[in-house]
Structures are given as C-alpha cells and as structure tokens.
C-alpha cells in the first residue's frame, strides 16, 4: 500500500531547505529509493514537502538514514516539523515537463 506524507516545517527558511535538499541529493538517489513522487516549496511561514512512498518502511528508512542526518548537518532539527501520513488511494500526474528537478 502506498502512503503519502506531508511535512510542514514553519521554522525552515528556503535557503536552509536548499541546504538540506542538496545534502540529501549528495547521499543517494533522487528520488530516494521507495519514493514515487517528492515535491516541496516555501510556505508562509516555513517549508512544505509532500511525497508518496511505496511503504511506511521506505519512508521511515529515508527519514532515519538520509533526512535526519541532512537536517543535523545544517544544525537543524525535525522537532519543529509536523508530519501527516495517509494511505494513498489515487495518484495521477499530468505533464511534468518544465517542473524544476534536483541538481
């Protein structure tokens, strides 16, 4: 069963999010193993990431092995982030041409 997750971090500024994204990109495949879709952007206040995963185990491995260390590298914490996890019953996408991709 695929799962979705929404992570809102009201304390994360765009330049800090870029540091974290760059760190994650340097530590393995993008999108991460087990991820079907990952996207995010600035909110007021903070940063929001939305992703779809093959399983809760894949999500948990990514958070433990890659995301938490990326936060820690920049002196940040996931403590201020809220996480909403839900079962994905529908996933569809249009033409994603022109959508920015990670470096």
PDB file of N, CA and C in Angstrom:
ATOM      1  N   UNK A   1       0.844  -1.173   0.000  1.00  0.00           N
ATOM      2  CA  UNK A   1       0.000   0.000   0.000  1.00  0.00           C
ATOM      3  C   UNK A   1       0.894   1.242   0.000  1.00  0.00           C
ATOM      4  N   UNK A   2       0.641   2.138  -0.927  1.00  0.00           N
ATOM      5  CA  UNK A   2       1.384   3.398  -0.983  1.00  0.00           C
ATOM      6  C   UNK A   2       0.886   4.328   0.119  1.00  0.00           C
ATOM      7  N   UNK A   3       1.812   5.137   0.623  1.00  0.00           N
ATOM      8  CA  UNK A   3       1.444   6.122   1.630  1.00  0.00           C
ATOM      9  C   UNK A   3       1.939   7.496   1.197  1.00  0.00           C
ATOM     10  N   UNK A   4       1.228   8.507   1.641  1.00  0.00           N
ATOM     11  CA  UNK A   4       1.621   9.885   1.401  1.00  0.00           C
ATOM     12  C   UNK A   4       2.049  10.505   2.715  1.00  0.00           C
ATOM     13  N   UNK A   5       2.891  11.504   2.619  1.00  0.00           N
ATOM     14  CA  UNK A   5       3.312  12.230   3.814  1.00  0.00           C
ATOM     15  C   UNK A   5       3.433  13.710   3.470  1.00  0.00           C
ATOM     16  N   UNK A   6       2.934  14.524   4.361  1.00  0.00           N
ATOM     17  CA  UNK A   6       3.075  15.975   4.254  1.00  0.00           C
ATOM     18  C   UNK A   6       3.890  16.415   5.458  1.00  0.00           C
ATOM     19  N   UNK A   7       5.011  17.068   5.193  1.00  0.00           N
ATOM     20  CA  UNK A   7       5.866  17.567   6.265  1.00  0.00           C
ATOM     21  C   UNK A   7       5.866  19.083   6.183  1.00  0.00           C
ATOM     22  N   UNK A   8       5.407  19.722   7.250  1.00  0.00           N
ATOM     23  CA  UNK A   8       5.427  21.181   7.349  1.00  0.00           C
ATOM     24  C   UNK A   8       6.434  21.576   8.408  1.00  0.00           C
ATOM     25  N   UNK A   9       7.363  22.451   8.028  1.00  0.00           N
ATOM     26  CA  UNK A   9       8.348  22.946   8.985  1.00  0.00           C
ATOM     27  C   UNK A   9       8.289  24.466   8.980  1.00  0.00           C
ATOM     28  N   UNK A  10       7.593  25.054   9.950  1.00  0.00           N
ATOM     29  CA  UNK A  10       7.410  26.508   9.962  1.00  0.00           C
ATOM     30  C   UNK A  10       8.692  27.286  10.259  1.00  0.00           C
ATOM     31  N   UNK A  11       9.716  26.605  10.763  1.00  0.00           N
ATOM     32  CA  UNK A  11      10.961  27.299  11.116  1.00  0.00           C
ATOM     33  C   UNK A  11      12.024  27.229  10.029  1.00  0.00           C
ATOM     34  N   UNK A  12      11.775  26.479   8.957  1.00  0.00           N
ATOM     35  CA  UNK A  12      12.779  26.282   7.922  1.00  0.00           C
ATOM     36  C   UNK A  12      12.648  27.344   6.834  1.00  0.00           C
ATOM     37  N   UNK A  13      13.717  28.091   6.614  1.00  0.00           N
ATOM     38  CA  UNK A  13      13.734  29.102   5.563  1.00  0.00           C
ATOM     39  C   UNK A  13      14.168  28.458   4.239  1.00  0.00           C
ATOM     40  N   UNK A  14      13.817  29.076   3.102  1.00  0.00           N
ATOM     41  CA  UNK A  14      14.144  28.481   1.797  1.00  0.00           C
ATOM     42  C   UNK A  14      15.628  28.149   1.624  1.00  0.00           C
ATOM     43  N   UNK A  15      16.516  29.010   2.080  1.00  0.00           N
ATOM     44  CA  UNK A  15      17.947  28.718   1.909  1.00  0.00           C
ATOM     45  C   UNK A  15      18.376  27.527   2.764  1.00  0.00           C
ATOM     46  N   UNK A  16      17.746  27.349   3.926  1.00  0.00           N
ATOM     47  CA  UNK A  16      18.033  26.182   4.756  1.00  0.00           C
ATOM     48  C   UNK A  16      17.486  24.913   4.107  1.00  0.00           C
ATOM     49  N   UNK A  17      16.293  25.011   3.527  1.00  0.00           N
ATOM     50  CA  UNK A  17      15.705  23.866   2.825  1.00  0.00           C
ATOM     51  C   UNK A  17      16.605  23.448   1.663  1.00  0.00           C
ATOM     52  N   UNK A  18      17.158  24.414   0.936  1.00  0.00           N
ATOM     53  CA  UNK A  18      18.063  24.097  -0.172  1.00  0.00           C
ATOM     54  C   UNK A  18      19.284  23.335   0.324  1.00  0.00           C
ATOM     55  N   UNK A  19      19.841  23.738   1.450  1.00  0.00           N
ATOM     56  CA  UNK A  19      20.986  23.023   2.031  1.00  0.00           C
ATOM     57  C   UNK A  19      20.624  21.567   2.330  1.00  0.00           C
ATOM     58  N   UNK A  20      19.458  21.367   2.897  1.00  0.00           N
ATOM     59  CA  UNK A  20      19.010  20.014   3.236  1.00  0.00           C
ATOM     60  C   UNK A  20      18.788  19.195   1.974  1.00  0.00           C
ATOM     61  N   UNK A  21      18.122  19.788   0.981  1.00  0.00           N
ATOM     62  CA  UNK A  21      17.867  19.093  -0.282  1.00  0.00           C
ATOM     63  C   UNK A  21      19.187  18.732  -0.960  1.00  0.00           C
ATOM     64  N   UNK A  22      20.140  19.654  -0.981  1.00  0.00           N
ATOM     65  CA  UNK A  22      21.444  19.393  -1.583  1.00  0.00           C
ATOM     66  C   UNK A  22      22.163  18.257  -0.854  1.00  0.00           C
ATOM     67  N   UNK A  23      22.074  18.247   0.477  1.00  0.00           N
ATOM     68  CA  UNK A  23      22.720  17.185   1.261  1.00  0.00           C
ATOM     69  C   UNK A  23      22.095  15.830   0.935  1.00  0.00           C
ATOM     70  N   UNK A  24      20.769  15.787   0.908  1.00  0.00           N
ATOM     71  CA  UNK A  24      20.071  14.537   0.582  1.00  0.00           C
ATOM     72  C   UNK A  24      20.469  14.070  -0.819  1.00  0.00           C
ATOM     73  N   UNK A  25      20.528  14.987  -1.775  1.00  0.00           N
ATOM     74  CA  UNK A  25      20.889  14.631  -3.151  1.00  0.00           C
ATOM     75  C   UNK A  25      22.305  14.077  -3.238  1.00  0.00           C
ATOM     76  N   UNK A  26      23.169  14.489  -2.318  1.00  0.00           N
ATOM     77  CA  UNK A  26      24.544  14.011  -2.321  1.00  0.00           C
ATOM     78  C   UNK A  26      24.747  12.692  -1.604  1.00  0.00           C
ATOM     79  N   UNK A  27      23.691  12.140  -1.026  1.00  0.00           N
ATOM     80  CA  UNK A  27      23.840  10.919  -0.237  1.00  0.00           C
ATOM     81  C   UNK A  27      23.143   9.706  -0.836  1.00  0.00           C
ATOM     82  N   UNK A  28      22.594   9.847  -2.038  1.00  0.00           N
ATOM     83  CA  UNK A  28      21.918   8.710  -2.650  1.00  0.00           C
ATOM     84  C   UNK A  28      21.023   9.155  -3.779  1.00  0.00           C
ATOM     85  N   UNK A  29      20.240   8.221  -4.274  1.00  0.00           N
ATOM     86  CA  UNK A  29      19.403   8.529  -5.435  1.00  0.00           C
ATOM     87  C   UNK A  29      18.305   9.540  -5.120  1.00  0.00           C
ATOM     88  N   UNK A  30      17.958  10.299  -6.148  1.00  0.00           N
ATOM     89  CA  UNK A  30      16.842  11.239  -6.069  1.00  0.00           C
ATOM     90  C   UNK A  30      15.944  10.949  -7.262  1.00  0.00           C
ATOM     91  N   UNK A  31      14.704  10.584  -7.055  1.00  0.00           N
ATOM     92  CA  UNK A  31      14.052  10.459  -5.762  1.00  0.00           C
ATOM     93  C   UNK A  31      14.619   9.284  -4.977  1.00  0.00           C
ATOM     94  N   UNK A  32      14.475   9.346  -3.657  1.00  0.00           N
ATOM     95  CA  UNK A  32      15.009   8.278  -2.812  1.00  0.00           C
ATOM     96  C   UNK A  32      14.365   6.927  -3.131  1.00  0.00           C
ATOM     97  N   UNK A  33      15.096   5.865  -2.816  1.00  0.00           N
ATOM     98  CA  UNK A  33      14.560   4.525  -3.016  1.00  0.00           C
ATOM     99  C   UNK A  33      13.235   4.377  -2.265  1.00  0.00           C
ATOM    100  N   UNK A  34      12.233   3.891  -2.956  1.00  0.00           N
ATOM    101  CA  UNK A  34      10.918   3.706  -2.349  1.00  0.00           C
ATOM    102  C   UNK A  34       9.992   4.888  -2.508  1.00  0.00           C
ATOM    103  N   UNK A  35      10.498   6.007  -3.041  1.00  0.00           N
ATOM    104  CA  UNK A  35       9.661   7.193  -3.243  1.00  0.00           C
ATOM    105  C   UNK A  35       9.128   7.208  -4.666  1.00  0.00           C
ATOM    106  N   UNK A  36       7.860   7.477  -4.799  1.00  0.00           N
ATOM    107  CA  UNK A  36       7.242   7.572  -6.125  1.00  0.00           C
ATOM    108  C   UNK A  36       7.170   9.012  -6.612  1.00  0.00           C
ATOM    109  N   UNK A  37       7.013   9.946  -5.676  1.00  0.00           N
ATOM    110  CA  UNK A  37       6.855  11.357  -6.022  1.00  0.00           C
ATOM    111  C   UNK A  37       7.277  12.188  -4.821  1.00  0.00           C
ATOM    112  N   UNK A  38       8.067  13.232  -5.064  1.00  0.00           N
ATOM    113  CA  UNK A  38       8.502  14.132  -3.997  1.00  0.00           C
ATOM    114  C   UNK A  38       8.461  15.550  -4.546  1.00  0.00           C
ATOM    115  N   UNK A  39       7.804  16.444  -3.833  1.00  0.00           N
ATOM    116  CA  UNK A  39       7.832  17.850  -4.234  1.00  0.00           C
ATOM    117  C   UNK A  39       7.666  18.723  -3.003  1.00  0.00           C
ATOM    118  N   UNK A  40       8.100  19.968  -3.127  1.00  0.00           N
ATOM    119  CA  UNK A  40       8.016  20.870  -1.985  1.00  0.00           C
ATOM    120  C   UNK A  40       8.257  22.298  -2.392  1.00  0.00           C
ATOM    121  N   UNK A  41       8.071  23.179  -1.412  1.00  0.00           N
ATOM    122  CA  UNK A  41       8.297  24.590  -1.658  1.00  0.00           C
ATOM    123  C   UNK A  41       8.006  25.421  -0.429  1.00  0.00           C
ATOM    124  N   UNK A  42       8.291  26.723  -0.549  1.00  0.00           N
ATOM    125  CA  UNK A  42       8.114  27.619   0.592  1.00  0.00           C
ATOM    126  C   UNK A  42       6.643  27.842   0.920  1.00  0.00           C
ATOM    127  N   UNK A  43       6.387  28.014   2.203  1.00  0.00           N
ATOM    128  CA  UNK A  43       5.072  28.381   2.703  1.00  0.00           C
ATOM    129  C   UNK A  43       5.263  29.594   3.601  1.00  0.00           C
ATOM    130  N   UNK A  44       4.195  30.144   4.088  1.00  0.00           N
ATOM    131  CA  UNK A  44       4.314  31.299   4.977  1.00  0.00           C
ATOM    132  C   UNK A  44       3.713  30.941   6.327  1.00  0.00           C
ATOM    133  N   UNK A  45       4.501  30.605   7.305  1.00  0.00           N
ATOM    134  CA  UNK A  45       5.970  30.587   7.298  1.00  0.00           C
ATOM    135  C   UNK A  45       6.494  29.178   6.990  1.00  0.00           C
ATOM    136  N   UNK A  46       7.735  29.104   6.575  1.00  0.00           N
ATOM    137  CA  UNK A  46       8.421  27.829   6.502  1.00  0.00           C
ATOM    138  C   UNK A  46       8.492  27.158   5.157  1.00  0.00           C
ATOM    139  N   UNK A  47       8.466  25.817   5.215  1.00  0.00           N
ATOM    140  CA  UNK A  47       8.688  24.979   4.045  1.00  0.00           C
ATOM    141  C   UNK A  47       7.806  23.746   4.154  1.00  0.00           C
ATOM    142  N   UNK A  48       7.258  23.293   3.024  1.00  0.00           N
ATOM    143  CA  UNK A  48       6.401  22.102   2.998  1.00  0.00           C
ATOM    144  C   UNK A  48       6.935  21.127   1.952  1.00  0.00           C
ATOM    145  N   UNK A  49       6.999  19.848   2.350  1.00  0.00           N
ATOM    146  CA  UNK A  49       7.351  18.773   1.428  1.00  0.00           C
ATOM    147  C   UNK A  49       6.197  17.780   1.413  1.00  0.00           C
ATOM    148  N   UNK A  50       5.859  17.304   0.222  1.00  0.00           N
ATOM    149  CA  UNK A  50       4.814  16.308   0.049  1.00  0.00           C
ATOM    150  C   UNK A  50       5.420  15.171  -0.763  1.00  0.00           C
ATOM    151  N   UNK A  51       5.188  13.941  -0.311  1.00  0.00           N
ATOM    152  CA  UNK A  51       5.770  12.810  -1.019  1.00  0.00           C
ATOM    153  C   UNK A  51       4.856  11.596  -0.945  1.00  0.00           C
ATOM    154  N   UNK A  52       5.080  10.679  -1.892  1.00  0.00           N
ATOM    155  CA  UNK A  52       4.351   9.423  -1.948  1.00  0.00           C
ATOM    156  C   UNK A  52       5.391   8.306  -1.944  1.00  0.00           C
ATOM    157  N   UNK A  53       5.164   7.318  -1.072  1.00  0.00           N
ATOM    158  CA  UNK A  53       6.125   6.239  -0.845  1.00  0.00           C
ATOM    159  C   UNK A  53       5.489   4.882  -1.078  1.00  0.00           C
ATOM    160  N   UNK A  54       6.310   3.904  -1.443  1.00  0.00           N
ATOM    161  CA  UNK A  54       5.837   2.539  -1.637  1.00  0.00           C
ATOM    162  C   UNK A  54       5.315   1.938  -0.331  1.00  0.00           C
ATOM    163  N   UNK A  55       5.935   2.316   0.788  1.00  0.00           N
ATOM    164  CA  UNK A  55       5.555   1.738   2.080  1.00  0.00           C
ATOM    165  C   UNK A  55       5.997   2.639   3.218  1.00  0.00           C
ATOM    166  N   UNK A  56       5.465   2.389   4.387  1.00  0.00           N
ATOM    167  CA  UNK A  56       5.880   3.122   5.588  1.00  0.00           C
ATOM    168  C   UNK A  56       7.340   2.801   5.918  1.00  0.00           C
ATOM    169  N   UNK A  57       7.753   1.560   5.667  1.00  0.00           N
ATOM    170  CA  UNK A  57       9.150   1.192   5.924  1.00  0.00           C
ATOM    171  C   UNK A  57      10.108   2.017   5.065  1.00  0.00           C
ATOM    172  N   UNK A  58       9.785   2.204   3.786  1.00  0.00           N
ATOM    173  CA  UNK A  58      10.646   3.000   2.903  1.00  0.00           C
ATOM    174  C   UNK A  58      10.732   4.440   3.400  1.00  0.00           C
ATOM    175  N   UNK A  59       9.603   4.998   3.812  1.00  0.00           N
ATOM    176  CA  UNK A  59       9.585   6.357   4.356  1.00  0.00           C
ATOM    177  C   UNK A  59      10.430   6.449   5.618  1.00  0.00           C
ATOM    178  N   UNK A  60      10.232   5.517   6.540  1.00  0.00           N
ATOM    179  CA  UNK A  60      10.971   5.541   7.798  1.00  0.00           C
ATOM    180  C   UNK A  60      12.477   5.401   7.577  1.00  0.00           C
ATOM    181  N   UNK A  61      12.881   4.526   6.632  1.00  0.00           N
ATOM    182  CA  UNK A  61      14.314   4.383   6.315  1.00  0.00           C
ATOM    183  C   UNK A  61      14.884   5.694   5.788  1.00  0.00           C
ATOM    184  N   UNK A  62      14.152   6.362   4.890  1.00  0.00           N
ATOM    185  CA  UNK A  62      14.626   7.630   4.345  1.00  0.00           C
ATOM    186  C   UNK A  62      14.783   8.674   5.448  1.00  0.00           C
ATOM    187  N   UNK A  63      13.784   8.793   6.309  1.00  0.00           N
ATOM    188  CA  UNK A  63      13.875   9.767   7.391  1.00  0.00           C
ATOM    189  C   UNK A  63      15.078   9.480   8.285  1.00  0.00           C
ATOM    190  N   UNK A  64      15.276   8.220   8.657  1.00  0.00           N
ATOM    191  CA  UNK A  64      16.367   7.862   9.572  1.00  0.00           C
ATOM    192  C   UNK A  64      17.740   7.944   8.914  1.00  0.00           C
ATOM    193  N   UNK A  65      17.854   7.428   7.686  1.00  0.00           N
ATOM    194  CA  UNK A  65      19.164   7.286   7.056  1.00  0.00           C
ATOM    195  C   UNK A  65      19.640   8.509   6.289  1.00  0.00           C
ATOM    196  N   UNK A  66      18.706   9.318   5.784  1.00  0.00           N
ATOM    197  CA  UNK A  66      19.121  10.430   4.927  1.00  0.00           C
ATOM    198  C   UNK A  66      18.588  11.789   5.357  1.00  0.00           C
ATOM    199  N   UNK A  67      17.308  11.873   5.727  1.00  0.00           N
ATOM    200  CA  UNK A  67      16.742  13.186   6.032  1.00  0.00           C
ATOM    201  C   UNK A  67      17.201  13.719   7.383  1.00  0.00           C
ATOM    202  N   UNK A  68      17.119  12.914   8.429  1.00  0.00           N
ATOM    203  CA  UNK A  68      17.557  13.379   9.755  1.00  0.00           C
ATOM    204  C   UNK A  68      19.031  13.799   9.736  1.00  0.00           C
ATOM    205  N   UNK A  69      19.937  13.008   9.115  1.00  0.00           N
ATOM    206  CA  UNK A  69      21.332  13.460   9.029  1.00  0.00           C
ATOM    207  C   UNK A  69      21.493  14.758   8.227  1.00  0.00           C
ATOM    208  N   UNK A  70      20.684  14.958   7.194  1.00  0.00           N
ATOM    209  CA  UNK A  70      20.765  16.195   6.405  1.00  0.00           C
ATOM    210  C   UNK A  70      20.357  17.388   7.254  1.00  0.00           C
ATOM    211  N   UNK A  71      19.313  17.230   8.054  1.00  0.00           N
ATOM    212  CA  UNK A  71      18.909  18.288   8.977  1.00  0.00           C
ATOM    213  C   UNK A  71      20.025  18.559   9.978  1.00  0.00           C
ATOM    214  N   UNK A  72      20.565  17.508  10.577  1.00  0.00           N
ATOM    215  CA  UNK A  72      21.599  17.659  11.598  1.00  0.00           C
ATOM    216  C   UNK A  72      22.854  18.321  11.038  1.00  0.00           C
ATOM    217  N   UNK A  73      23.219  17.993   9.808  1.00  0.00           N
ATOM    218  CA  UNK A  73      24.412  18.574   9.170  1.00  0.00           C
ATOM    219  C   UNK A  73      24.335  20.097   9.158  1.00  0.00           C
ATOM    220  N   UNK A  74      23.144  20.627   8.940  1.00  0.00           N
ATOM    221  CA  UNK A  74      22.963  22.077   8.895  1.00  0.00           C
ATOM    222  C   UNK A  74      22.599  22.689  10.240  1.00  0.00           C
ATOM    223  N   UNK A  75      22.607  21.871  11.293  1.00  0.00           N
ATOM    224  CA  UNK A  75      22.263  22.379  12.614  1.00  0.00           C
ATOM    225  C   UNK A  75      20.766  22.573  12.813  1.00  0.00           C
ATOM    226  N   UNK A  76      19.966  21.842  12.047  1.00  0.00           N
ATOM    227  CA  UNK A  76      18.513  21.950  12.132  1.00  0.00           C
ATOM    228  C   UNK A  76      17.935  20.698  12.791  1.00  0.00           C
ATOM    229  N   UNK A  77      16.675  20.768  13.129  1.00  0.00           N
ATOM    230  CA  UNK A  77      16.005  19.643  13.762  1.00  0.00           C
ATOM    231  C   UNK A  77      14.641  19.428  13.133  1.00  0.00           C
ATOM    232  N   UNK A  78      14.241  18.173  13.092  1.00  0.00           N
ATOM    233  CA  UNK A  78      12.902  17.834  12.614  1.00  0.00           C
ATOM    234  C   UNK A  78      11.856  18.020  13.713  1.00  0.00           C
ATOM    235  N   UNK A  79      12.284  18.412  14.908  1.00  0.00           N
ATOM    236  CA  UNK A  79      11.365  18.558  16.043  1.00  0.00           C
ATOM    237  C   UNK A  79      10.250  19.562  15.763  1.00  0.00           C
ATOM    238  N   UNK A  80      10.560  20.625  15.042  1.00  0.00           N
ATOM    239  CA  UNK A  80       9.550  21.651  14.783  1.00  0.00           C
ATOM    240  C   UNK A  80       8.644  21.306  13.602  1.00  0.00           C
ATOM    241  N   UNK A  81       8.969  20.213  12.915  1.00  0.00           N
ATOM    242  CA  UNK A  81       8.188  19.822  11.736  1.00  0.00           C
ATOM    243  C   UNK A  81       7.007  18.947  12.141  1.00  0.00           C
ATOM    244  N   UNK A  82       5.868  19.195  11.513  1.00  0.00           N
ATOM    245  CA  UNK A  82       4.723  18.305  11.700  1.00  0.00           C
ATOM    246  C   UNK A  82       4.684  17.341  10.522  1.00  0.00           C
ATOM    247  N   UNK A  83       4.250  16.120  10.798  1.00  0.00           N
ATOM    248  CA  UNK A  83       4.206  15.089   9.763  1.00  0.00           C
ATOM    249  C   UNK A  83       2.811  14.476   9.738  1.00  0.00           C
ATOM    250  N   UNK A  84       2.183  14.509   8.562  1.00  0.00           N
ATOM    251  CA  UNK A  84       0.887  13.881   8.366  1.00  0.00           C
ATOM    252  C   UNK A  84       1.069  12.735   7.381  1.00  0.00           C
ATOM    253  N   UNK A  85       0.724  11.526   7.802  1.00  0.00           N
ATOM    254  CA  UNK A  85       0.877  10.338   6.969  1.00  0.00           C
ATOM    255  C   UNK A  85      -0.521   9.801   6.658  1.00  0.00           C
ATOM    256  N   UNK A  86      -0.727   9.389   5.393  1.00  0.00           N
ATOM    257  CA  UNK A  86      -2.038   8.889   4.994  1.00  0.00           C
ATOM    258  C   UNK A  86      -1.888   7.845   3.897  1.00  0.00           C
ATOM    259  N   UNK A  87      -2.900   6.983   3.751  1.00  0.00           N
ATOM    260  CA  UNK A  87      -2.927   5.984   2.698  1.00  0.00           C
ATOM    261  C   UNK A  87      -3.260   6.672   1.376  1.00  0.00           C
ATOM    262  N   UNK A  88      -2.486   6.362   0.348  1.00  0.00           N
ATOM    263  CA  UNK A  88      -2.735   6.940  -0.978  1.00  0.00           C
ATOM    264  C   UNK A  88      -3.639   5.994  -1.750  1.00  0.00           C
ATOM    265  N   UNK A  89      -4.789   6.481  -2.124  1.00  0.00           N
ATOM    266  CA  UNK A  89      -5.745   5.678  -2.880  1.00  0.00           C
ATOM    267  C   UNK A  89      -5.814   6.113  -4.338  1.00  0.00           C
ATOM    268  N   UNK A  90      -5.230   7.288  -4.648  1.00  0.00           N
ATOM    269  CA  UNK A  90      -5.213   7.770  -6.021  1.00  0.00           C
ATOM    270  C   UNK A  90      -3.955   8.599  -6.222  1.00  0.00           C
ATOM    271  N   UNK A  91      -3.287   8.362  -7.336  1.00  0.00           N
ATOM    272  CA  UNK A  91      -2.118   9.155  -7.706  1.00  0.00           C
ATOM    273  C   UNK A  91      -2.158   9.328  -9.208  1.00  0.00           C
ATOM    274  N   UNK A  92      -2.199  10.563  -9.634  1.00  0.00           N
ATOM    275  CA  UNK A  92      -2.193  10.859 -11.062  1.00  0.00           C
ATOM    276  C   UNK A  92      -1.358  12.112 -11.268  1.00  0.00           C
ATOM    277  N   UNK A  93      -0.743  12.215 -12.418  1.00  0.00           N
ATOM    278  CA  UNK A  93       0.062  13.405 -12.717  1.00  0.00           C
ATOM    279  C   UNK A  93      -0.093  13.743 -14.193  1.00  0.00           C
ATOM    280  N   UNK A  94      -0.084  15.001 -14.467  1.00  0.00           N
ATOM    281  CA  UNK A  94      -0.094  15.467 -15.849  1.00  0.00           C
ATOM    282  C   UNK A  94       1.323  15.554 -16.358  1.00  0.00           C
ATOM    283  N   UNK A  95       1.528  16.347 -17.357  1.00  0.00           N
ATOM    284  CA  UNK A  95       2.839  16.571 -17.938  1.00  0.00           C
ATOM    285  C   UNK A  95       3.706  17.351 -16.958  1.00  0.00           C
ATOM    286  N   UNK A  96       4.787  16.755 -16.503  1.00  0.00           N
ATOM    287  CA  UNK A  96       5.677  17.405 -15.552  1.00  0.00           C
ATOM    288  C   UNK A  96       6.858  18.082 -16.237  1.00  0.00           C
ATOM    289  N   UNK A  97       6.834  18.171 -17.554  1.00  0.00           N
ATOM    290  CA  UNK A  97       7.877  18.865 -18.294  1.00  0.00           C
ATOM    291  C   UNK A  97       7.954  20.312 -17.814  1.00  0.00           C
ATOM    292  N   UNK A  98       9.154  20.754 -17.548  1.00  0.00           N
ATOM    293  CA  UNK A  98       9.332  22.145 -17.121  1.00  0.00           C
ATOM    294  C   UNK A  98       9.303  22.324 -15.610  1.00  0.00           C
ATOM    295  N   UNK A  99       8.956  21.269 -14.863  1.00  0.00           N
ATOM    296  CA  UNK A  99       8.982  21.353 -13.410  1.00  0.00           C
ATOM    297  C   UNK A  99      10.440  21.243 -12.983  1.00  0.00           C
ATOM    298  N   UNK A 100      10.912  22.127 -12.102  1.00  0.00           N
ATOM    299  CA  UNK A 100      12.316  22.072 -11.669  1.00  0.00           C
ATOM    300  C   UNK A 100      12.667  20.716 -11.055  1.00  0.00           C
ATOM    301  N   UNK A 101      13.832  20.206 -11.405  1.00  0.00           N
ATOM    302  CA  UNK A 101      14.327  18.940 -10.872  1.00  0.00           C
ATOM    303  C   UNK A 101      15.548  19.201 -10.010  1.00  0.00           C
ATOM    304  N   UNK A 102      15.814  18.323  -9.035  1.00  0.00           N
ATOM    305  CA  UNK A 102      17.009  18.498  -8.213  1.00  0.00           C
ATOM    306  C   UNK A 102      18.272  18.410  -9.067  1.00  0.00           C
ATOM    307  N   UNK A 103      19.294  19.101  -8.619  1.00  0.00           N
ATOM    308  CA  UNK A 103      20.571  19.100  -9.357  1.00  0.00           C
ATOM    309  C   UNK A 103      21.232  17.746  -9.297  1.00  0.00           C
TER     310      UNK A 103
END
